Amino acid sequence: MNARADAAAVATPVLRADGLTVTLDGRTVLDDISLEVRPGEVLALVGPNGAGKSTLLSVLSGERVPAAGTVVLEDRDIRSFSPLELARRRSVLTQDNSLSFPFRVIDVITMGRAPWTRTDEIAKDSAAIASAATRADVTHLAGRRFTELSGGERARVSLARVLAQDTPIVFLDEPTAALDLRHQEDVLRIARDLAVEGNAVVVVVHDLSLAGAVADRVALLSGGRLVAVGAPASVLTADAISAVYGLAVQVVDVDGRPLIVPQR
């Protein structure tokens, strides 16, 4: 574990979840999950399709109310926060990058600053918007219509909107899904940079090797239950992955990070 991960491990959690349970149409989607989110770290949620990753992220971010259990943010039940209060504390990138109207890209990014209207933070709008556009590599798209963009471009613009919001907790649901190799690496770098700056980052990732490369901790889910949580090398083992995914894999150590290779 590196120095940053060591620091995150002893940091006071910014968010705690205890006994989270979610049921949909009589089916248990999350089953008694307890988890901490810490400043200065990237926490990756991984698991097969239907494991409950996106549902867990939506509950942790306050977007969904669980059937049982609590999420505590700043020593308060997250449900006690107003939408505006939440928007100033955490930002959320969902899988859905669609918009109904043909807004310009610069306008979409500017939407991220809405929570700070009528506050002193509004003075930071221009700098925050410019920085977000640069980090997400969408400055050259500023004048384009969002509806005219490719899937990958929309994903990057949506990420820029989240970055412009400038919150201490950032939730990212499959942020690399529609991206090419270069922009996948860019997103991972952004996640790492946010953590280095002291933010807490929770990211849903399907690619286990990407999760192993970027995360300080990995939470492995299966069937709505938390199978393991810890450093990538301790969670992403060949036995654990094979048991959860039903697929034989080889785990290769690359500079202390696990690289997962299916056995074909």
Protein backbone atom coordinates (compact mmCIF):
# COMPACT_ATOMS: atom_id res chain seq x y z
CA MET A 1 0.00 0.00 0.00
CA ASN A 2 1.40 3.42 -0.95
CA ALA A 3 1.64 6.50 1.26
CA ARG A 4 -1.62 7.95 -0.08
CA ALA A 5 -3.49 4.71 0.60
CA ASP A 6 -2.00 4.59 4.10
CA ALA A 7 -3.22 8.13 4.77
CA ALA A 8 -6.70 7.33 3.44
CA ALA A 9 -6.86 4.21 5.60
CA VAL A 10 -6.55 6.26 8.80
CA ALA A 11 -8.69 9.17 7.64
CA THR A 12 -12.06 9.72 9.28
CA PRO A 13 -14.75 8.45 6.87
CA VAL A 14 -16.81 11.16 5.21
CA LEU A 15 -19.68 8.74 4.71
CA ARG A 16 -20.76 5.54 6.46
CA ALA A 17 -23.31 3.00 5.29
CA ASP A 18 -24.72 0.44 7.70
CA GLY A 19 -26.95 -2.52 6.93
CA LEU A 20 -28.13 -1.31 3.51
CA THR A 21 -30.89 -3.43 2.00
CA VAL A 22 -32.81 -2.69 -1.20
CA THR A 23 -35.63 -4.76 -2.65
CA LEU A 24 -37.16 -4.34 -6.10
CA ASP A 25 -40.26 -6.28 -7.18
CA GLY A 26 -39.74 -8.67 -4.30
CA ARG A 27 -36.10 -9.32 -5.23
CA THR A 28 -33.27 -8.38 -2.87
CA VAL A 29 -30.85 -6.19 -4.82
CA LEU A 30 -28.69 -5.17 -1.85
CA ASP A 31 -28.46 -7.38 1.21
CA ASP A 32 -27.20 -5.91 4.51
CA ILE A 33 -24.20 -3.98 3.15
CA SER A 34 -22.01 -1.87 5.42
CA LEU A 35 -19.24 0.27 3.96
CA GLU A 36 -17.14 3.38 4.61
CA VAL A 37 -16.13 6.09 2.14
CA ARG A 38 -12.93 7.94 3.06
CA PRO A 39 -11.38 11.20 1.89
CA GLY A 40 -8.22 10.93 -0.17
CA GLU A 41 -9.05 7.56 -1.68
CA VAL A 42 -10.62 5.92 -4.72
CA LEU A 43 -13.08 3.19 -3.76
CA ALA A 44 -14.01 0.93 -6.70
CA LEU A 45 -17.25 -1.06 -6.69
CA VAL A 46 -16.86 -4.20 -8.81
CA GLY A 47 -18.84 -7.35 -9.49
CA PRO A 48 -20.73 -9.14 -12.28
CA ASN A 49 -23.85 -7.80 -13.97
CA GLY A 50 -26.71 -7.61 -11.50
CA ALA A 51 -24.41 -7.63 -8.47
CA GLY A 52 -25.89 -4.36 -7.18
CA LYS A 53 -23.03 -1.96 -7.92
CA SER A 54 -25.05 0.89 -9.43
CA THR A 55 -27.81 0.43 -6.86
CA LEU A 56 -25.26 0.69 -4.05
CA LEU A 57 -23.78 3.82 -5.58
CA SER A 58 -27.24 5.40 -5.86
CA VAL A 59 -27.97 4.65 -2.18
CA LEU A 60 -24.57 5.92 -1.00
CA SER A 61 -25.10 9.15 -2.94
CA GLY A 62 -28.58 9.70 -1.52
CA GLU A 63 -30.32 9.20 -4.85
CA ARG A 64 -32.18 6.11 -3.64
CA VAL A 65 -33.73 5.35 -0.25
CA PRO A 66 -32.99 1.82 1.03
CA ALA A 67 -35.63 -0.48 2.46
CA ALA A 68 -33.40 -0.88 5.52
CA GLY A 69 -30.14 0.54 6.79
CA THR A 70 -28.69 4.04 6.97
CA VAL A 71 -26.20 6.26 5.19
CA VAL A 72 -24.56 8.86 7.43
CA LEU A 73 -22.92 11.95 5.95
CA GLU A 74 -21.27 14.47 8.27
CA ASP A 75 -22.85 12.71 11.27
CA ARG A 76 -26.33 13.18 9.76
CA ASP A 77 -28.65 10.74 8.06
CA ILE A 78 -28.24 11.51 4.37
CA ARG A 79 -32.03 11.67 4.04
CA SER A 80 -32.06 14.77 6.26
CA PHE A 81 -30.21 16.82 3.64
CA SER A 82 -32.14 18.90 1.13
CA PRO A 83 -31.32 18.31 -2.57
CA LEU A 84 -29.35 21.57 -2.64
CA GLU A 85 -27.38 20.67 0.48
CA LEU A 86 -26.49 17.31 -1.04
CA ALA A 87 -25.50 18.89 -4.35
CA ARG A 88 -22.93 21.00 -2.51
CA ARG A 89 -21.41 17.95 -0.82
CA ARG A 90 -21.41 15.29 -3.49
CA SER A 91 -21.64 15.05 -7.27
CA VAL A 92 -22.92 12.07 -9.24
CA LEU A 93 -22.11 10.85 -12.75
CA THR A 94 -24.76 8.35 -13.85
CA GLN A 95 -24.64 5.91 -16.76
CA ASP A 96 -27.32 7.91 -18.58
CA ASN A 97 -25.67 10.73 -20.51
CA SER A 98 -28.76 11.86 -22.43
CA LEU A 99 -30.37 15.31 -22.49
CA SER A 100 -33.75 16.20 -23.99
CA PHE A 101 -32.70 19.59 -25.37
CA PRO A 102 -29.79 20.53 -27.68
CA PHE A 103 -27.81 22.50 -25.11
CA ARG A 104 -24.35 23.66 -26.06
CA VAL A 105 -21.54 21.78 -24.37
CA ILE A 106 -20.42 24.85 -22.43
CA ASP A 107 -23.96 25.21 -21.06
CA VAL A 108 -24.03 21.58 -19.94
CA ILE A 109 -20.75 22.01 -18.06
CA THR A 110 -22.04 25.24 -16.53
CA MET A 111 -25.01 23.31 -15.10
CA GLY A 112 -22.55 21.79 -12.65
CA ARG A 113 -22.19 25.18 -10.97
CA ALA A 114 -25.92 25.53 -10.23
CA PRO A 115 -25.63 24.44 -6.55
CA TRP A 116 -23.34 27.40 -5.87
CA THR A 117 -25.68 30.11 -7.18
CA ARG A 118 -26.18 32.92 -4.64
CA THR A 119 -23.10 31.89 -2.66
CA ASP A 120 -19.56 33.28 -2.51
CA GLU A 121 -18.46 30.23 -4.51
CA ILE A 122 -20.01 31.74 -7.63
CA ALA A 123 -16.80 33.75 -8.01
CA LYS A 124 -15.08 30.48 -8.89
CA ASP A 125 -17.49 29.64 -11.74
CA SER A 126 -15.30 30.62 -14.68
CA ALA A 127 -12.20 28.90 -13.35
CA ALA A 128 -14.09 25.77 -12.32
CA ILE A 129 -15.78 25.46 -15.72
CA ALA A 130 -12.54 26.00 -17.63
CA SER A 131 -10.65 23.53 -15.44
CA ALA A 132 -13.36 20.89 -15.79
CA ALA A 133 -13.46 21.23 -19.57
CA THR A 134 -9.68 20.91 -19.78
CA ARG A 135 -9.50 17.89 -17.46
CA ALA A 136 -12.22 16.05 -19.39
CA ASP A 137 -10.68 17.06 -22.75
CA VAL A 138 -13.82 18.75 -24.08
CA THR A 139 -12.67 22.37 -24.45
CA HIS A 140 -12.72 21.99 -28.24
CA LEU A 141 -16.36 20.88 -28.06
CA ALA A 142 -17.58 23.93 -26.12
CA GLY A 143 -19.70 25.36 -28.93
CA ARG A 144 -21.13 22.04 -30.13
CA ARG A 145 -24.65 20.82 -29.35
CA PHE A 146 -24.72 17.99 -26.81
CA THR A 147 -27.21 16.05 -28.94
CA GLU A 148 -24.75 16.03 -31.86
CA LEU A 149 -21.93 14.37 -29.92
CA SER A 150 -20.81 10.76 -29.99
CA GLY A 151 -21.42 8.53 -26.98
CA GLY A 152 -17.87 8.94 -25.78
CA GLU A 153 -17.95 12.71 -26.18
CA ARG A 154 -21.22 12.91 -24.24
CA ALA A 155 -19.66 10.84 -21.46
CA ARG A 156 -16.71 13.23 -21.22
CA VAL A 157 -18.93 16.32 -21.23
CA SER A 158 -21.05 14.78 -18.46
CA LEU A 159 -17.87 14.13 -16.49
CA ALA A 160 -16.86 17.77 -16.98
CA ARG A 161 -20.21 18.86 -15.54
CA VAL A 162 -19.54 16.72 -12.46
CA LEU A 163 -16.02 18.11 -12.10
CA ALA A 164 -17.31 21.69 -12.37
CA GLN A 165 -19.62 21.01 -9.43
CA ASP A 166 -16.47 20.79 -7.30
CA THR A 167 -17.66 18.68 -4.37
CA PRO A 168 -15.63 16.79 -1.74
CA ILE A 169 -17.33 13.48 -2.63
CA VAL A 170 -17.58 12.27 -6.24
CA PHE A 171 -19.63 9.28 -7.41
CA LEU A 172 -18.88 7.89 -10.87
CA ASP A 173 -21.02 5.11 -12.37
CA GLU A 174 -19.08 3.31 -15.12
CA PRO A 175 -17.31 6.48 -16.31
CA THR A 176 -15.08 4.57 -18.78
CA ALA A 177 -17.82 2.48 -20.45
CA ALA A 178 -18.13 4.50 -23.69
CA LEU A 179 -14.54 5.71 -23.91
CA ASP A 180 -11.56 4.79 -26.05
CA LEU A 181 -8.33 3.59 -24.46
CA ARG A 182 -6.76 7.04 -24.15
CA HIS A 183 -9.81 8.61 -22.54
CA GLN A 184 -10.24 5.64 -20.21
CA GLU A 185 -6.77 6.38 -18.90
CA ASP A 186 -7.63 10.08 -18.67
CA VAL A 187 -10.67 9.32 -16.49
CA LEU A 188 -8.61 7.07 -14.23
CA ARG A 189 -6.00 9.80 -13.90
CA ILE A 190 -8.72 12.31 -13.02
CA ALA A 191 -10.08 9.96 -10.34
CA ARG A 192 -6.60 9.53 -8.87
CA ASP A 193 -5.97 13.29 -8.98
CA LEU A 194 -9.25 14.01 -7.20
CA ALA A 195 -8.24 11.63 -4.42
CA VAL A 196 -4.76 13.16 -4.17
CA GLU A 197 -6.48 16.53 -3.73
CA GLY A 198 -8.31 15.08 -0.70
CA ASN A 199 -11.64 14.17 -2.24
CA ALA A 200 -13.44 10.88 -1.76
CA VAL A 201 -14.11 9.09 -5.05
CA VAL A 202 -16.47 6.12 -5.46
CA VAL A 203 -16.45 4.55 -8.91
CA VAL A 204 -18.30 1.61 -10.45
CA VAL A 205 -15.96 -0.26 -12.78
CA HIS A 206 -16.58 -3.38 -14.85
CA ASP A 207 -12.98 -3.89 -15.92
CA LEU A 208 -11.25 -5.53 -12.95
CA SER A 209 -7.79 -4.61 -14.18
CA LEU A 210 -8.80 -0.95 -14.40
CA ALA A 211 -10.20 -1.18 -10.88
CA GLY A 212 -6.98 -2.75 -9.68
CA ALA A 213 -4.95 -0.01 -11.34
CA VAL A 214 -6.82 3.01 -9.99
CA ALA A 215 -8.37 2.04 -6.65
CA ASP A 216 -7.00 2.34 -3.14
CA ARG A 217 -9.74 -0.05 -2.02
CA VAL A 218 -11.99 -2.41 -3.94
CA ALA A 219 -15.45 -3.56 -2.82
CA LEU A 220 -16.39 -6.84 -4.52
CA LEU A 221 -20.13 -7.50 -4.77
CA SER A 222 -22.04 -10.61 -5.78
CA GLY A 223 -25.77 -11.19 -5.67
CA GLY A 224 -26.33 -8.00 -3.71
CA ARG A 225 -23.89 -8.93 -0.95
CA LEU A 226 -20.48 -7.51 -0.13
CA VAL A 227 -18.03 -10.38 -0.65
CA ALA A 228 -14.85 -8.52 0.27
CA VAL A 229 -13.45 -5.03 0.65
CA GLY A 230 -9.83 -3.99 0.91
CA ALA A 231 -6.69 -3.29 -1.08
CA PRO A 232 -6.94 -4.42 -4.74
CA ALA A 233 -4.31 -7.14 -4.37
CA SER A 234 -6.09 -8.66 -1.38
CA VAL A 235 -9.58 -8.59 -2.93
CA LEU A 236 -8.93 -9.32 -6.59
CA THR A 237 -7.49 -12.79 -6.17
CA ALA A 238 -7.89 -15.61 -8.68
CA ASP A 239 -9.99 -17.66 -6.26
CA ALA A 240 -12.34 -14.80 -5.37
CA ILE A 241 -12.83 -13.70 -8.97
CA SER A 242 -13.40 -17.24 -10.19
CA ALA A 243 -15.96 -17.86 -7.45
CA VAL A 244 -17.89 -14.65 -8.11
CA TYR A 245 -17.73 -14.57 -11.91
CA GLY A 246 -17.74 -18.31 -12.59
CA LEU A 247 -14.68 -17.94 -14.79
CA ALA A 248 -11.15 -19.19 -14.30
CA VAL A 249 -8.64 -16.33 -14.31
CA GLN A 250 -4.97 -15.70 -13.77
CA VAL A 251 -3.92 -12.70 -11.69
CA VAL A 252 -0.60 -11.16 -12.66
CA ASP A 253 1.20 -8.73 -10.38
CA VAL A 254 2.23 -5.59 -12.28
CA ASP A 255 4.09 -3.14 -10.05
CA GLY A 256 2.04 -4.25 -7.06
CA ARG A 257 -1.28 -3.98 -8.92
CA PRO A 258 -3.36 -6.97 -10.05
CA LEU A 259 -3.84 -7.57 -13.77
CA ILE A 260 -6.68 -10.03 -14.41
CA VAL A 261 -6.37 -12.35 -17.40
CA PRO A 262 -9.15 -14.87 -18.23
CA GLN A 263 -7.90 -18.39 -18.86
CA ARG A 264 -8.93 -19.23 -22.42
